[in-house]
Amino acid sequence: MHYRPEARLPEGVAVTLVHGLADDVVPIEQSRALARTGTPALVRLVEVDDDHALSALVASGELVELARAAAATRP
């Protein structure tokens, strides 16, 4: 969305987006807009208290857990 505002998620594909609320590179609204594309029942946006690089989630291992949970709950 940042470089391609026309970007859309593919239909019929499960997608989990993770966006840091303290991201000073990409505005959260861009991820929110992207999350509104694709198949609504298959798109999940996780907003976390973190920066652009998701540094805290990576350091704590929570990003791996989010990925595992997303994979386990998707069709």
N, C-alpha and C. Protein backbone atom coordinates (compact mmCIF):
# COMPACT_ATOMS: atom_id res chain seq x y z
N MET A 1 0.81 -1.19 0.00
CA MET A 1 0.00 0.00 0.00
C MET A 1 0.86 1.26 0.00
N HIS A 2 2.02 1.18 0.63
CA HIS A 2 2.88 2.35 0.74
C HIS A 2 3.38 2.79 -0.64
N TYR A 3 3.82 1.84 -1.43
CA TYR A 3 4.36 2.16 -2.75
C TYR A 3 3.37 1.86 -3.88
N ARG A 4 2.37 1.04 -3.57
CA ARG A 4 1.37 0.68 -4.57
C ARG A 4 -0.02 0.84 -3.95
N PRO A 5 -0.57 2.03 -3.97
CA PRO A 5 -1.86 2.27 -3.32
C PRO A 5 -2.99 1.41 -3.87
N GLU A 6 -2.83 0.91 -5.08
CA GLU A 6 -3.87 0.08 -5.69
C GLU A 6 -3.77 -1.39 -5.27
N ALA A 7 -2.80 -1.72 -4.44
CA ALA A 7 -2.57 -3.11 -4.02
C ALA A 7 -3.81 -3.68 -3.35
N ARG A 8 -4.04 -4.95 -3.62
CA ARG A 8 -5.18 -5.67 -3.04
C ARG A 8 -4.72 -7.06 -2.65
N LEU A 9 -5.33 -7.60 -1.62
CA LEU A 9 -5.06 -8.98 -1.25
C LEU A 9 -5.79 -9.90 -2.23
N PRO A 10 -5.25 -11.06 -2.50
CA PRO A 10 -5.92 -11.98 -3.43
C PRO A 10 -7.19 -12.56 -2.81
N GLU A 11 -8.21 -12.75 -3.62
CA GLU A 11 -9.46 -13.35 -3.16
C GLU A 11 -9.23 -14.81 -2.80
N GLY A 12 -9.91 -15.26 -1.75
CA GLY A 12 -9.87 -16.66 -1.37
C GLY A 12 -8.61 -17.11 -0.67
N VAL A 13 -7.76 -16.17 -0.25
CA VAL A 13 -6.51 -16.51 0.41
C VAL A 13 -6.54 -15.98 1.84
N ALA A 14 -6.18 -16.85 2.79
CA ALA A 14 -6.11 -16.44 4.19
C ALA A 14 -4.85 -15.60 4.40
N VAL A 15 -5.03 -14.43 5.01
CA VAL A 15 -3.91 -13.52 5.23
C VAL A 15 -4.01 -12.94 6.65
N THR A 16 -2.89 -12.94 7.34
CA THR A 16 -2.80 -12.25 8.63
C THR A 16 -1.77 -11.14 8.48
N LEU A 17 -2.18 -9.91 8.73
CA LEU A 17 -1.31 -8.75 8.69
C LEU A 17 -1.00 -8.34 10.12
N VAL A 18 0.25 -8.02 10.40
CA VAL A 18 0.64 -7.54 11.72
C VAL A 18 1.26 -6.16 11.53
N HIS A 19 0.71 -5.17 12.24
CA HIS A 19 1.19 -3.80 12.07
C HIS A 19 1.43 -3.17 13.44
N GLY A 20 2.59 -2.58 13.60
CA GLY A 20 2.92 -1.89 14.84
C GLY A 20 2.27 -0.52 14.92
N LEU A 21 1.62 -0.23 16.03
CA LEU A 21 0.96 1.06 16.21
C LEU A 21 1.96 2.21 16.33
N ALA A 22 3.21 1.90 16.67
CA ALA A 22 4.24 2.93 16.76
C ALA A 22 5.09 2.97 15.49
N ASP A 23 4.57 2.39 14.41
CA ASP A 23 5.26 2.40 13.12
C ASP A 23 5.36 3.84 12.62
N ASP A 24 6.58 4.33 12.43
CA ASP A 24 6.77 5.69 11.93
C ASP A 24 7.18 5.69 10.45
N VAL A 25 7.04 4.53 9.79
CA VAL A 25 7.37 4.41 8.37
C VAL A 25 6.11 4.26 7.53
N VAL A 26 5.25 3.34 7.92
CA VAL A 26 4.01 3.07 7.19
C VAL A 26 2.83 3.37 8.11
N PRO A 27 1.96 4.28 7.72
CA PRO A 27 0.80 4.60 8.55
C PRO A 27 -0.12 3.38 8.72
N ILE A 28 -0.67 3.22 9.92
CA ILE A 28 -1.56 2.10 10.21
C ILE A 28 -2.75 2.07 9.26
N GLU A 29 -3.20 3.22 8.81
CA GLU A 29 -4.36 3.27 7.91
C GLU A 29 -4.09 2.51 6.61
N GLN A 30 -2.85 2.46 6.18
CA GLN A 30 -2.54 1.70 4.96
C GLN A 30 -2.78 0.21 5.17
N SER A 31 -2.42 -0.30 6.32
CA SER A 31 -2.69 -1.72 6.61
C SER A 31 -4.19 -1.95 6.81
N ARG A 32 -4.85 -1.00 7.43
CA ARG A 32 -6.30 -1.13 7.60
C ARG A 32 -7.00 -1.17 6.25
N ALA A 33 -6.57 -0.30 5.33
CA ALA A 33 -7.15 -0.29 3.99
C ALA A 33 -6.87 -1.60 3.26
N LEU A 34 -5.65 -2.08 3.36
CA LEU A 34 -5.30 -3.35 2.71
C LEU A 34 -6.12 -4.49 3.31
N ALA A 35 -6.34 -4.48 4.60
CA ALA A 35 -7.11 -5.53 5.27
C ALA A 35 -8.56 -5.55 4.80
N ARG A 36 -9.05 -4.43 4.31
CA ARG A 36 -10.43 -4.37 3.81
C ARG A 36 -10.57 -4.97 2.42
N THR A 37 -9.47 -5.38 1.81
CA THR A 37 -9.52 -6.02 0.49
C THR A 37 -9.43 -7.53 0.68
N GLY A 38 -9.50 -8.26 -0.38
CA GLY A 38 -9.45 -9.72 -0.25
C GLY A 38 -10.79 -10.26 0.22
N THR A 39 -10.78 -11.45 0.78
CA THR A 39 -11.99 -12.10 1.28
C THR A 39 -12.12 -11.79 2.77
N PRO A 40 -13.13 -11.00 3.16
CA PRO A 40 -13.24 -10.54 4.55
C PRO A 40 -13.11 -11.63 5.61
N ALA A 41 -13.71 -12.78 5.40
CA ALA A 41 -13.65 -13.85 6.40
C ALA A 41 -12.26 -14.45 6.54
N LEU A 42 -11.38 -14.18 5.58
CA LEU A 42 -10.05 -14.78 5.58
C LEU A 42 -8.94 -13.79 5.92
N VAL A 43 -9.30 -12.53 6.13
CA VAL A 43 -8.29 -11.49 6.39
C VAL A 43 -8.35 -11.07 7.86
N ARG A 44 -7.19 -11.06 8.49
CA ARG A 44 -7.09 -10.65 9.90
C ARG A 44 -5.97 -9.61 10.02
N LEU A 45 -6.28 -8.49 10.65
CA LEU A 45 -5.28 -7.47 10.92
C LEU A 45 -5.03 -7.45 12.43
N VAL A 46 -3.77 -7.66 12.81
CA VAL A 46 -3.38 -7.64 14.21
C VAL A 46 -2.59 -6.36 14.44
N GLU A 47 -3.14 -5.47 15.25
CA GLU A 47 -2.47 -4.21 15.57
C GLU A 47 -1.78 -4.39 16.92
N VAL A 48 -0.47 -4.16 16.93
CA VAL A 48 0.31 -4.40 18.15
C VAL A 48 1.03 -3.13 18.58
N ASP A 49 1.34 -3.06 19.86
CA ASP A 49 2.08 -1.93 20.41
C ASP A 49 3.56 -2.15 20.13
N ASP A 50 3.99 -1.78 18.93
CA ASP A 50 5.37 -2.03 18.50
C ASP A 50 5.73 -1.06 17.38
N ASP A 51 6.98 -1.15 16.92
CA ASP A 51 7.47 -0.26 15.88
C ASP A 51 7.35 -0.90 14.49
N HIS A 52 7.90 -0.25 13.49
CA HIS A 52 7.83 -0.73 12.11
C HIS A 52 8.45 -2.12 11.95
N ALA A 53 9.57 -2.35 12.60
CA ALA A 53 10.27 -3.63 12.48
C ALA A 53 9.69 -4.72 13.39
N LEU A 54 8.68 -4.37 14.17
CA LEU A 54 8.09 -5.29 15.14
C LEU A 54 9.17 -5.84 16.07
N SER A 55 10.06 -4.97 16.46
CA SER A 55 11.23 -5.35 17.27
C SER A 55 10.87 -6.07 18.56
N ALA A 56 9.89 -5.56 19.27
CA ALA A 56 9.53 -6.17 20.55
C ALA A 56 8.92 -7.56 20.34
N LEU A 57 8.09 -7.70 19.32
CA LEU A 57 7.49 -9.01 19.04
C LEU A 57 8.54 -10.03 18.61
N VAL A 58 9.51 -9.59 17.83
CA VAL A 58 10.58 -10.49 17.41
C VAL A 58 11.43 -10.89 18.61
N ALA A 59 11.83 -9.92 19.43
CA ALA A 59 12.68 -10.19 20.58
C ALA A 59 12.02 -11.12 21.59
N SER A 60 10.72 -10.98 21.76
CA SER A 60 10.01 -11.78 22.76
C SER A 60 9.58 -13.14 22.22
N GLY A 61 9.65 -13.33 20.91
CA GLY A 61 9.18 -14.58 20.31
C GLY A 61 7.69 -14.56 20.00
N GLU A 62 7.01 -13.46 20.33
CA GLU A 62 5.57 -13.38 20.10
C GLU A 62 5.21 -13.38 18.62
N LEU A 63 6.08 -12.86 17.76
CA LEU A 63 5.78 -12.86 16.33
C LEU A 63 5.71 -14.29 15.81
N VAL A 64 6.62 -15.14 16.27
CA VAL A 64 6.59 -16.55 15.87
C VAL A 64 5.29 -17.20 16.35
N GLU A 65 4.88 -16.88 17.56
CA GLU A 65 3.64 -17.45 18.10
C GLU A 65 2.42 -16.96 17.31
N LEU A 66 2.42 -15.68 16.92
CA LEU A 66 1.33 -15.16 16.09
C LEU A 66 1.27 -15.91 14.76
N ALA A 67 2.43 -16.15 14.17
CA ALA A 67 2.48 -16.88 12.90
C ALA A 67 1.97 -18.31 13.06
N ARG A 68 2.39 -18.96 14.13
CA ARG A 68 1.95 -20.34 14.39
C ARG A 68 0.43 -20.38 14.60
N ALA A 69 -0.09 -19.44 15.38
CA ALA A 69 -1.52 -19.40 15.65
C ALA A 69 -2.30 -19.14 14.37
N ALA A 70 -1.80 -18.25 13.53
CA ALA A 70 -2.46 -17.94 12.27
C ALA A 70 -2.50 -19.18 11.38
N ALA A 71 -1.39 -19.89 11.32
CA ALA A 71 -1.32 -21.10 10.48
C ALA A 71 -2.24 -22.19 11.01
N ALA A 72 -2.37 -22.28 12.32
CA ALA A 72 -3.18 -23.35 12.92
C ALA A 72 -4.67 -23.10 12.77
N THR A 73 -5.08 -21.84 12.66
CA THR A 73 -6.51 -21.53 12.61
C THR A 73 -7.02 -21.26 11.21
N ARG A 74 -6.15 -21.33 10.23
CA ARG A 74 -6.59 -21.04 8.85
C ARG A 74 -6.94 -22.32 8.12
N PRO A 75 -7.95 -22.21 7.22
CA PRO A 75 -8.35 -23.39 6.44
C PRO A 75 -7.25 -23.87 5.52
